[in-house]
Amino acid sequence: MWAIAAADFGAELELVEVPRPAPEPGQLLVRLFAASVNPFDRKVVNGMLRGSTPHRFPLVPGTDGAGEVEGSGERIFGTFFHRPVGGGTYAEYVTVPAENALAPLPEDLDPAVAAALPTAGMTALQLVESLGTAQSVLIVGATGGVGSFAVQIARAAGKRVVPIGRGDSLVEADALIDLVSADRSSFEANARYAPLAFNTNYVSADPAQNFGMKGSREALERLASLVRAGDLEVPIARRVPLREAADVFAGHGPGKTVIIM
């Protein structure tokens, strides 16, 4: 099969031909329709998990995707990350543990849209749920994947949303979602504007403010329902054929990049 992979940590991505993976007990073999690109994918290629978990090379990145289960024909989408790292979704086929966060792919949902939903969408959904009864929320980094989802989901929940870009002045609000700050001092400076604050970069001295996404079938189904109801628009900036996808880590502004198989 064809895949986009890196020969070593930090290497450039390239189109390669590799054996089609064979599922182990408890795994599904999925023929992919589409895979989305996340910042986490680049970090994995650069060695973020080196020394903490096994890897295999050539390293095929990719966490999110949509496709069809071989043998059953079931159409699914969700998160495909599993160990050893390197058997990701930038490929025509992928194996995935059956207990991963996976959900049925509705017939009327574009597979590219479904592939762009899981990591960014579930993160945004759970961040908004964490706000509880807060009526107003500042979202710092509102134009990125998670930020654009969070703005829409919060508004659909009836909250007043103040989107904040880099360098914009902040105002007082009930809550803050900080998707940008890369250090503790920057986050704490922003957190002064809201009594309830969350960040996705694990920089706060208060563990209650640090946020980590927990995927589930239920969350994926809720996201699909929001899209189908017209309450959530998925910002896809690029749809790239697999055989032309070696440059997907290059910066292309706001919106998701999706690889089409």
C-alpha atoms as a PDB file:
ATOM      1  CA  MET A   1       0.000   0.000   0.000  1.00  0.00           C
ATOM      2  CA  TRP A   2       0.999   3.646  -0.300  1.00  0.00           C
ATOM      3  CA  ALA A   3       1.684   5.777   2.753  1.00  0.00           C
ATOM      4  CA  ILE A   4       3.282   9.044   3.812  1.00  0.00           C
ATOM      5  CA  ALA A   5       6.086   8.303   6.282  1.00  0.00           C
ATOM      6  CA  ALA A   6       9.333   9.467   7.876  1.00  0.00           C
ATOM      7  CA  ALA A   7      12.452   7.277   7.733  1.00  0.00           C
ATOM      8  CA  ASP A   8      13.634   8.445  11.185  1.00  0.00           C
ATOM      9  CA  PHE A   9      12.843  10.969  13.900  1.00  0.00           C
ATOM     10  CA  GLY A  10      12.924  14.467  12.451  1.00  0.00           C
ATOM     11  CA  ALA A  11      13.134  13.242   8.850  1.00  0.00           C
ATOM     12  CA  GLU A  12      11.086  14.766   6.040  1.00  0.00           C
ATOM     13  CA  LEU A  13       7.875  13.019   5.088  1.00  0.00           C
ATOM     14  CA  GLU A  14       7.892  11.100   1.813  1.00  0.00           C
ATOM     15  CA  LEU A  15       5.618   8.855  -0.215  1.00  0.00           C
ATOM     16  CA  VAL A  16       6.574   5.215   0.358  1.00  0.00           C
ATOM     17  CA  GLU A  17       5.233   1.789  -0.489  1.00  0.00           C
ATOM     18  CA  VAL A  18       4.900  -0.451   2.572  1.00  0.00           C
ATOM     19  CA  PRO A  19       3.180  -3.779   3.337  1.00  0.00           C
ATOM     20  CA  ARG A  20      -0.487  -3.597   4.200  1.00  0.00           C
ATOM     21  CA  PRO A  21      -0.789  -4.057   7.990  1.00  0.00           C
ATOM     22  CA  ALA A  22      -2.249  -7.264   9.430  1.00  0.00           C
ATOM     23  CA  PRO A  23      -4.636  -6.852  12.386  1.00  0.00           C
ATOM     24  CA  GLU A  24      -3.750  -8.524  15.664  1.00  0.00           C
ATOM     25  CA  PRO A  25      -6.412 -10.026  17.952  1.00  0.00           C
ATOM     26  CA  GLY A  26      -8.736  -7.267  19.116  1.00  0.00           C
ATOM     27  CA  GLN A  27      -7.856  -5.007  16.186  1.00  0.00           C
ATOM     28  CA  LEU A  28      -9.727  -3.898  13.074  1.00  0.00           C
ATOM     29  CA  LEU A  29      -8.248  -3.468   9.604  1.00  0.00           C
ATOM     30  CA  VAL A  30      -9.623  -0.291   8.050  1.00  0.00           C
ATOM     31  CA  ARG A  31      -9.423   0.916   4.454  1.00  0.00           C
ATOM     32  CA  LEU A  32      -9.187   4.657   4.881  1.00  0.00           C
ATOM     33  CA  PHE A  33     -11.162   7.231   2.934  1.00  0.00           C
ATOM     34  CA  ALA A  34      -9.515  10.266   4.530  1.00  0.00           C
ATOM     35  CA  ALA A  35      -7.156  11.289   7.335  1.00  0.00           C
ATOM     36  CA  SER A  36      -6.713  14.681   8.962  1.00  0.00           C
ATOM     37  CA  VAL A  37      -3.478  16.371   9.989  1.00  0.00           C
ATOM     38  CA  ASN A  38      -2.975  17.449  13.611  1.00  0.00           C
ATOM     39  CA  PRO A  39      -0.075  19.290  15.311  1.00  0.00           C
ATOM     40  CA  PHE A  40       0.440  16.133  17.407  1.00  0.00           C
ATOM     41  CA  ASP A  41       1.409  14.238  14.239  1.00  0.00           C
ATOM     42  CA  ARG A  42       4.362  16.515  13.561  1.00  0.00           C
ATOM     43  CA  LYS A  43       5.452  16.262  17.216  1.00  0.00           C
ATOM     44  CA  VAL A  44       5.443  12.455  16.981  1.00  0.00           C
ATOM     45  CA  VAL A  45       7.640  12.547  13.876  1.00  0.00           C
ATOM     46  CA  ASN A  46      10.004  14.937  15.665  1.00  0.00           C
ATOM     47  CA  GLY A  47      10.421  12.443  18.527  1.00  0.00           C
ATOM     48  CA  MET A  48       7.948  13.661  21.148  1.00  0.00           C
ATOM     49  CA  LEU A  49       7.359  10.079  22.348  1.00  0.00           C
ATOM     50  CA  ARG A  50      10.900   8.782  21.815  1.00  0.00           C
ATOM     51  CA  GLY A  51      12.008   6.790  24.838  1.00  0.00           C
ATOM     52  CA  SER A  52       8.503   6.519  26.304  1.00  0.00           C
ATOM     53  CA  THR A  53       6.892   4.075  23.866  1.00  0.00           C
ATOM     54  CA  PRO A  54       7.972   1.729  21.034  1.00  0.00           C
ATOM     55  CA  HIS A  55       8.121   3.061  17.468  1.00  0.00           C
ATOM     56  CA  ARG A  56       8.386   1.409  14.079  1.00  0.00           C
ATOM     57  CA  PHE A  57       9.897   2.775  10.885  1.00  0.00           C
ATOM     58  CA  PRO A  58       9.202   3.999   8.356  1.00  0.00           C
ATOM     59  CA  LEU A  59       7.026   5.973  10.754  1.00  0.00           C
ATOM     60  CA  VAL A  60       3.557   6.630   9.342  1.00  0.00           C
ATOM     61  CA  PRO A  61       1.984   9.483  11.362  1.00  0.00           C
ATOM     62  CA  GLY A  62      -1.696  10.257  11.719  1.00  0.00           C
ATOM     63  CA  THR A  63      -4.243   9.899  14.499  1.00  0.00           C
ATOM     64  CA  ASP A  64      -7.605  10.815  12.965  1.00  0.00           C
ATOM     65  CA  GLY A  65      -9.389   9.194  10.057  1.00  0.00           C
ATOM     66  CA  ALA A  66     -12.507   7.815   8.425  1.00  0.00           C
ATOM     67  CA  GLY A  67     -12.859   4.593   6.482  1.00  0.00           C
ATOM     68  CA  GLU A  68     -14.401   1.169   6.066  1.00  0.00           C
ATOM     69  CA  VAL A  69     -13.695  -1.924   8.165  1.00  0.00           C
ATOM     70  CA  GLU A  70     -12.389  -4.743   5.979  1.00  0.00           C
ATOM     71  CA  GLY A  71     -14.569  -7.825   6.149  1.00  0.00           C
ATOM     72  CA  SER A  72     -17.661  -6.153   7.597  1.00  0.00           C
ATOM     73  CA  GLY A  73     -18.015  -3.083   5.387  1.00  0.00           C
ATOM     74  CA  GLU A  74     -18.846  -0.923   8.429  1.00  0.00           C
ATOM     75  CA  ARG A  75     -18.038   2.749   7.859  1.00  0.00           C
ATOM     76  CA  ILE A  76     -16.364   4.352  10.872  1.00  0.00           C
ATOM     77  CA  PHE A  77     -14.449   7.447  11.956  1.00  0.00           C
ATOM     78  CA  GLY A  78     -12.448   8.332  15.036  1.00  0.00           C
ATOM     79  CA  THR A  79      -8.995   8.168  16.604  1.00  0.00           C
ATOM     80  CA  PHE A  80      -6.593   5.479  15.424  1.00  0.00           C
ATOM     81  CA  PHE A  81      -3.554   6.093  17.633  1.00  0.00           C
ATOM     82  CA  HIS A  82      -2.026   2.914  19.066  1.00  0.00           C
ATOM     83  CA  ARG A  83       1.322   1.382  19.933  1.00  0.00           C
ATOM     84  CA  PRO A  84       3.843   0.773  18.529  1.00  0.00           C
ATOM     85  CA  VAL A  85       3.785   4.303  17.158  1.00  0.00           C
ATOM     86  CA  GLY A  86       4.235   4.518  13.412  1.00  0.00           C
ATOM     87  CA  GLY A  87       1.180   2.749  12.031  1.00  0.00           C
ATOM     88  CA  GLY A  88      -0.895   5.888  11.562  1.00  0.00           C
ATOM     89  CA  THR A  89      -3.599   7.133   9.225  1.00  0.00           C
ATOM     90  CA  TYR A  90      -1.481   8.759   6.512  1.00  0.00           C
ATOM     91  CA  ALA A  91      -1.926   5.513   4.570  1.00  0.00           C
ATOM     92  CA  GLU A  92      -4.381   3.529   2.504  1.00  0.00           C
ATOM     93  CA  TYR A  93      -4.915   0.988   5.296  1.00  0.00           C
ATOM     94  CA  VAL A  94      -4.538   1.116   9.081  1.00  0.00           C
ATOM     95  CA  THR A  95      -5.107  -1.223  11.997  1.00  0.00           C
ATOM     96  CA  VAL A  96      -6.776   0.034  15.154  1.00  0.00           C
ATOM     97  CA  PRO A  97      -7.721  -1.490  18.517  1.00  0.00           C
ATOM     98  CA  ALA A  98     -11.474  -2.066  18.559  1.00  0.00           C
ATOM     99  CA  GLU A  99     -11.710  -0.251  21.921  1.00  0.00           C
ATOM    100  CA  ASN A 100     -10.370   3.030  20.486  1.00  0.00           C
ATOM    101  CA  ALA A 101     -12.692   6.023  20.236  1.00  0.00           C
ATOM    102  CA  LEU A 102     -14.562   5.040  17.065  1.00  0.00           C
ATOM    103  CA  ALA A 103     -18.100   5.706  15.869  1.00  0.00           C
ATOM    104  CA  PRO A 104     -20.284   4.845  12.875  1.00  0.00           C
ATOM    105  CA  LEU A 105     -19.771   7.162   9.894  1.00  0.00           C
ATOM    106  CA  PRO A 106     -23.205   8.455   8.820  1.00  0.00           C
ATOM    107  CA  GLU A 107     -23.972   8.014   5.121  1.00  0.00           C
ATOM    108  CA  ASP A 108     -24.678  11.722   4.732  1.00  0.00           C
ATOM    109  CA  LEU A 109     -21.446  12.880   6.396  1.00  0.00           C
ATOM    110  CA  ASP A 110     -18.510  13.669   4.104  1.00  0.00           C
ATOM    111  CA  PRO A 111     -15.627  11.332   5.108  1.00  0.00           C
ATOM    112  CA  ALA A 112     -13.186  14.247   4.890  1.00  0.00           C
ATOM    113  CA  VAL A 113     -15.301  16.214   7.364  1.00  0.00           C
ATOM    114  CA  ALA A 114     -15.561  13.179   9.647  1.00  0.00           C
ATOM    115  CA  ALA A 115     -11.790  12.659   9.516  1.00  0.00           C
ATOM    116  CA  ALA A 116     -11.230  16.285  10.557  1.00  0.00           C
ATOM    117  CA  LEU A 117     -13.468  15.998  13.623  1.00  0.00           C
ATOM    118  CA  PRO A 118     -12.029  13.568  16.216  1.00  0.00           C
ATOM    119  CA  THR A 119      -9.053  15.070  18.063  1.00  0.00           C
ATOM    120  CA  ALA A 120      -9.801  18.777  17.614  1.00  0.00           C
ATOM    121  CA  GLY A 121     -13.561  18.319  17.876  1.00  0.00           C
ATOM    122  CA  MET A 122     -13.566  16.140  20.993  1.00  0.00           C
ATOM    123  CA  THR A 123     -11.057  18.461  22.680  1.00  0.00           C
ATOM    124  CA  ALA A 124     -13.283  21.459  21.963  1.00  0.00           C
ATOM    125  CA  LEU A 125     -16.444  19.646  23.043  1.00  0.00           C
ATOM    126  CA  GLN A 126     -14.968  18.577  26.365  1.00  0.00           C
ATOM    127  CA  LEU A 127     -13.483  22.008  27.014  1.00  0.00           C
ATOM    128  CA  VAL A 128     -16.884  23.613  26.530  1.00  0.00           C
ATOM    129  CA  GLU A 129     -18.515  20.980  28.760  1.00  0.00           C
ATOM    130  CA  SER A 130     -15.923  21.823  31.438  1.00  0.00           C
ATOM    131  CA  LEU A 131     -17.238  25.399  31.558  1.00  0.00           C
ATOM    132  CA  GLY A 132     -20.419  24.252  33.315  1.00  0.00           C
ATOM    133  CA  THR A 133     -22.823  27.140  33.864  1.00  0.00           C
ATOM    134  CA  ALA A 134     -20.385  29.879  32.805  1.00  0.00           C
ATOM    135  CA  GLN A 135     -22.262  32.236  30.480  1.00  0.00           C
ATOM    136  CA  SER A 136     -19.332  34.049  28.854  1.00  0.00           C
ATOM    137  CA  VAL A 137     -16.011  32.646  27.659  1.00  0.00           C
ATOM    138  CA  LEU A 138     -12.801  34.040  26.187  1.00  0.00           C
ATOM    139  CA  ILE A 139     -11.200  31.683  23.654  1.00  0.00           C
ATOM    140  CA  VAL A 140      -7.544  32.469  23.011  1.00  0.00           C
ATOM    141  CA  GLY A 141      -6.467  30.910  19.709  1.00  0.00           C
ATOM    142  CA  ALA A 142      -9.942  30.917  18.223  1.00  0.00           C
ATOM    143  CA  THR A 143      -8.849  30.492  14.590  1.00  0.00           C
ATOM    144  CA  GLY A 144      -7.097  27.129  15.003  1.00  0.00           C
ATOM    145  CA  GLY A 145      -8.705  23.704  14.702  1.00  0.00           C
ATOM    146  CA  VAL A 146      -9.698  23.334  18.365  1.00  0.00           C
ATOM    147  CA  GLY A 147     -10.469  27.037  18.712  1.00  0.00           C
ATOM    148  CA  SER A 148     -12.811  27.243  15.733  1.00  0.00           C
ATOM    149  CA  PHE A 149     -14.702  24.188  16.995  1.00  0.00           C
ATOM    150  CA  ALA A 150     -14.861  25.564  20.551  1.00  0.00           C
ATOM    151  CA  VAL A 151     -16.288  28.892  19.379  1.00  0.00           C
ATOM    152  CA  GLN A 152     -19.110  27.167  17.514  1.00  0.00           C
ATOM    153  CA  ILE A 153     -19.880  24.568  20.192  1.00  0.00           C
ATOM    154  CA  ALA A 154     -19.954  27.195  22.939  1.00  0.00           C
ATOM    155  CA  ARG A 155     -22.294  29.395  20.916  1.00  0.00           C
ATOM    156  CA  ALA A 156     -24.537  26.403  20.187  1.00  0.00           C
ATOM    157  CA  ALA A 157     -24.673  25.887  23.975  1.00  0.00           C
ATOM    158  CA  GLY A 158     -25.945  29.462  24.421  1.00  0.00           C
ATOM    159  CA  LYS A 159     -22.730  30.990  25.770  1.00  0.00           C
ATOM    160  CA  ARG A 160     -21.404  34.430  24.861  1.00  0.00           C
ATOM    161  CA  VAL A 161     -18.078  33.875  23.136  1.00  0.00           C
ATOM    162  CA  VAL A 162     -15.232  36.380  22.797  1.00  0.00           C
ATOM    163  CA  PRO A 163     -12.708  35.027  20.241  1.00  0.00           C
ATOM    164  CA  ILE A 164      -9.150  36.227  20.922  1.00  0.00           C
ATOM    165  CA  GLY A 165      -6.260  36.130  18.473  1.00  0.00           C
ATOM    166  CA  ARG A 166      -2.566  36.466  19.187  1.00  0.00           C
ATOM    167  CA  GLY A 167      -1.813  39.951  20.508  1.00  0.00           C
ATOM    168  CA  ASP A 168      -5.462  40.939  21.039  1.00  0.00           C
ATOM    169  CA  SER A 169      -6.466  42.610  24.278  1.00  0.00           C
ATOM    170  CA  LEU A 170      -8.414  40.459  26.728  1.00  0.00           C
ATOM    171  CA  VAL A 171     -11.584  41.423  28.585  1.00  0.00           C
ATOM    172  CA  GLU A 172     -13.291  40.107  31.704  1.00  0.00           C
ATOM    173  CA  ALA A 173     -15.432  36.961  31.323  1.00  0.00           C
ATOM    174  CA  ASP A 174     -16.769  34.042  33.352  1.00  0.00           C
ATOM    175  CA  ALA A 175     -14.299  31.581  31.816  1.00  0.00           C
ATOM    176  CA  LEU A 176     -11.241  31.321  29.620  1.00  0.00           C
ATOM    177  CA  ILE A 177     -10.038  28.637  27.220  1.00  0.00           C
ATOM    178  CA  ASP A 178      -6.360  29.212  26.354  1.00  0.00           C
ATOM    179  CA  LEU A 179      -5.156  27.217  23.353  1.00  0.00           C
ATOM    180  CA  VAL A 180      -2.055  29.299  22.676  1.00  0.00           C
ATOM    181  CA  SER A 181       0.105  29.958  25.739  1.00  0.00           C
ATOM    182  CA  ALA A 182       3.211  27.794  25.692  1.00  0.00           C
ATOM    183  CA  ASP A 183       4.522  28.741  29.131  1.00  0.00           C
ATOM    184  CA  ARG A 184       3.137  29.095  32.617  1.00  0.00           C
ATOM    185  CA  SER A 185       3.605  32.854  32.918  1.00  0.00           C
ATOM    186  CA  SER A 186       1.702  33.600  29.690  1.00  0.00           C
ATOM    187  CA  PHE A 187      -1.192  31.391  30.706  1.00  0.00           C
ATOM    188  CA  GLU A 188      -1.391  32.862  34.195  1.00  0.00           C
ATOM    189  CA  ALA A 189      -1.376  36.368  32.724  1.00  0.00           C
ATOM    190  CA  ASN A 190      -4.390  35.448  30.597  1.00  0.00           C
ATOM    191  CA  ALA A 191      -6.115  33.570  33.436  1.00  0.00           C
ATOM    192  CA  ARG A 192      -6.391  36.810  35.426  1.00  0.00           C
ATOM    193  CA  TYR A 193      -9.298  37.787  33.202  1.00  0.00           C
ATOM    194  CA  ALA A 194     -11.579  34.896  34.217  1.00  0.00           C
ATOM    195  CA  PRO A 195     -12.201  33.006  37.476  1.00  0.00           C
ATOM    196  CA  LEU A 196     -12.475  29.708  35.555  1.00  0.00           C
ATOM    197  CA  ALA A 197      -9.592  28.955  33.161  1.00  0.00           C
ATOM    198  CA  PHE A 198      -8.419  25.959  31.154  1.00  0.00           C
ATOM    199  CA  ASN A 199      -5.399  25.414  28.942  1.00  0.00           C
ATOM    200  CA  THR A 200      -4.290  22.640  26.595  1.00  0.00           C
ATOM    201  CA  ASN A 201      -0.537  23.021  27.105  1.00  0.00           C
ATOM    202  CA  TYR A 202      -0.135  21.686  30.659  1.00  0.00           C
ATOM    203  CA  VAL A 203       1.624  24.782  31.998  1.00  0.00           C
ATOM    204  CA  SER A 204      -0.481  25.710  35.027  1.00  0.00           C
ATOM    205  CA  ALA A 205       0.597  25.154  38.613  1.00  0.00           C
ATOM    206  CA  ASP A 206      -3.043  24.283  39.331  1.00  0.00           C
ATOM    207  CA  PRO A 207      -3.715  20.774  37.940  1.00  0.00           C
ATOM    208  CA  ALA A 208      -7.434  21.587  37.678  1.00  0.00           C
ATOM    209  CA  GLN A 209      -6.618  24.078  34.922  1.00  0.00           C
ATOM    210  CA  ASN A 210      -4.682  21.589  32.786  1.00  0.00           C
ATOM    211  CA  PHE A 211      -6.797  19.839  30.171  1.00  0.00           C
ATOM    212  CA  GLY A 212      -6.337  16.499  28.428  1.00  0.00           C
ATOM    213  CA  MET A 213      -8.820  15.121  25.903  1.00  0.00           C
ATOM    214  CA  LYS A 214     -10.520  11.778  26.620  1.00  0.00           C
ATOM    215  CA  GLY A 215     -12.058  10.317  23.487  1.00  0.00           C
ATOM    216  CA  SER A 216     -15.279   8.319  23.315  1.00  0.00           C
ATOM    217  CA  ARG A 217     -17.825   7.009  20.836  1.00  0.00           C
ATOM    218  CA  GLU A 218     -20.467   9.200  22.479  1.00  0.00           C
ATOM    219  CA  ALA A 219     -18.420  12.368  21.919  1.00  0.00           C
ATOM    220  CA  LEU A 220     -17.880  11.487  18.254  1.00  0.00           C
ATOM    221  CA  GLU A 221     -21.582  10.854  17.771  1.00  0.00           C
ATOM    222  CA  ARG A 222     -22.406  14.229  19.345  1.00  0.00           C
ATOM    223  CA  LEU A 223     -19.983  15.984  17.010  1.00  0.00           C
ATOM    224  CA  ALA A 224     -21.462  14.250  13.974  1.00  0.00           C
ATOM    225  CA  SER A 225     -24.948  15.288  15.114  1.00  0.00           C
ATOM    226  CA  LEU A 226     -23.838  18.918  15.473  1.00  0.00           C
ATOM    227  CA  VAL A 227     -22.408  18.890  11.940  1.00  0.00           C
ATOM    228  CA  ARG A 228     -25.495  17.278  10.449  1.00  0.00           C
ATOM    229  CA  ALA A 229     -27.747  19.760  12.260  1.00  0.00           C
ATOM    230  CA  GLY A 230     -25.793  22.700  10.843  1.00  0.00           C
ATOM    231  CA  ASP A 231     -24.523  23.822  14.253  1.00  0.00           C
ATOM    232  CA  LEU A 232     -20.871  22.961  13.559  1.00  0.00           C
ATOM    233  CA  GLU A 233     -18.945  23.819  10.405  1.00  0.00           C
ATOM    234  CA  VAL A 234     -15.654  21.988   9.936  1.00  0.00           C
ATOM    235  CA  PRO A 235     -12.973  24.389   8.610  1.00  0.00           C
ATOM    236  CA  ILE A 236     -11.142  22.359   5.953  1.00  0.00           C
ATOM    237  CA  ALA A 237      -8.483  24.501   4.273  1.00  0.00           C
ATOM    238  CA  ARG A 238      -6.840  21.802   2.097  1.00  0.00           C
ATOM    239  CA  ARG A 239      -7.829  18.427   0.672  1.00  0.00           C
ATOM    240  CA  VAL A 240      -4.656  16.730  -0.522  1.00  0.00           C
ATOM    241  CA  PRO A 241      -4.421  13.423  -2.442  1.00  0.00           C
ATOM    242  CA  LEU A 242      -2.304  10.875  -0.561  1.00  0.00           C
ATOM    243  CA  ARG A 243       0.336  10.684  -3.285  1.00  0.00           C
ATOM    244  CA  GLU A 244       0.840  14.464  -3.104  1.00  0.00           C
ATOM    245  CA  ALA A 245       0.780  14.729   0.693  1.00  0.00           C
ATOM    246  CA  ALA A 246       4.483  14.772   1.601  1.00  0.00           C
ATOM    247  CA  ASP A 247       4.235  18.513   2.390  1.00  0.00           C
ATOM    248  CA  VAL A 248       1.240  18.372   4.744  1.00  0.00           C
ATOM    249  CA  PHE A 249       3.288  19.679   7.679  1.00  0.00           C
ATOM    250  CA  ALA A 250       3.968  22.936   5.835  1.00  0.00           C
ATOM    251  CA  GLY A 251       2.079  25.907   7.245  1.00  0.00           C
ATOM    252  CA  HIS A 252      -1.031  26.870   5.318  1.00  0.00           C
ATOM    253  CA  GLY A 253      -2.908  29.173   7.700  1.00  0.00           C
ATOM    254  CA  PRO A 254      -6.136  28.466   9.565  1.00  0.00           C
ATOM    255  CA  GLY A 255      -8.275  25.414   8.874  1.00  0.00           C
ATOM    256  CA  LYS A 256      -7.690  21.679   8.763  1.00  0.00           C
ATOM    257  CA  THR A 257      -5.641  19.780   6.203  1.00  0.00           C
ATOM    258  CA  VAL A 258      -7.198  16.480   5.134  1.00  0.00           C
ATOM    259  CA  ILE A 259      -5.484  13.719   3.164  1.00  0.00           C
ATOM    260  CA  ILE A 260      -7.763  12.001   0.649  1.00  0.00           C
ATOM    261  CA  MET A 261      -6.960   8.369  -0.185  1.00  0.00           C
END
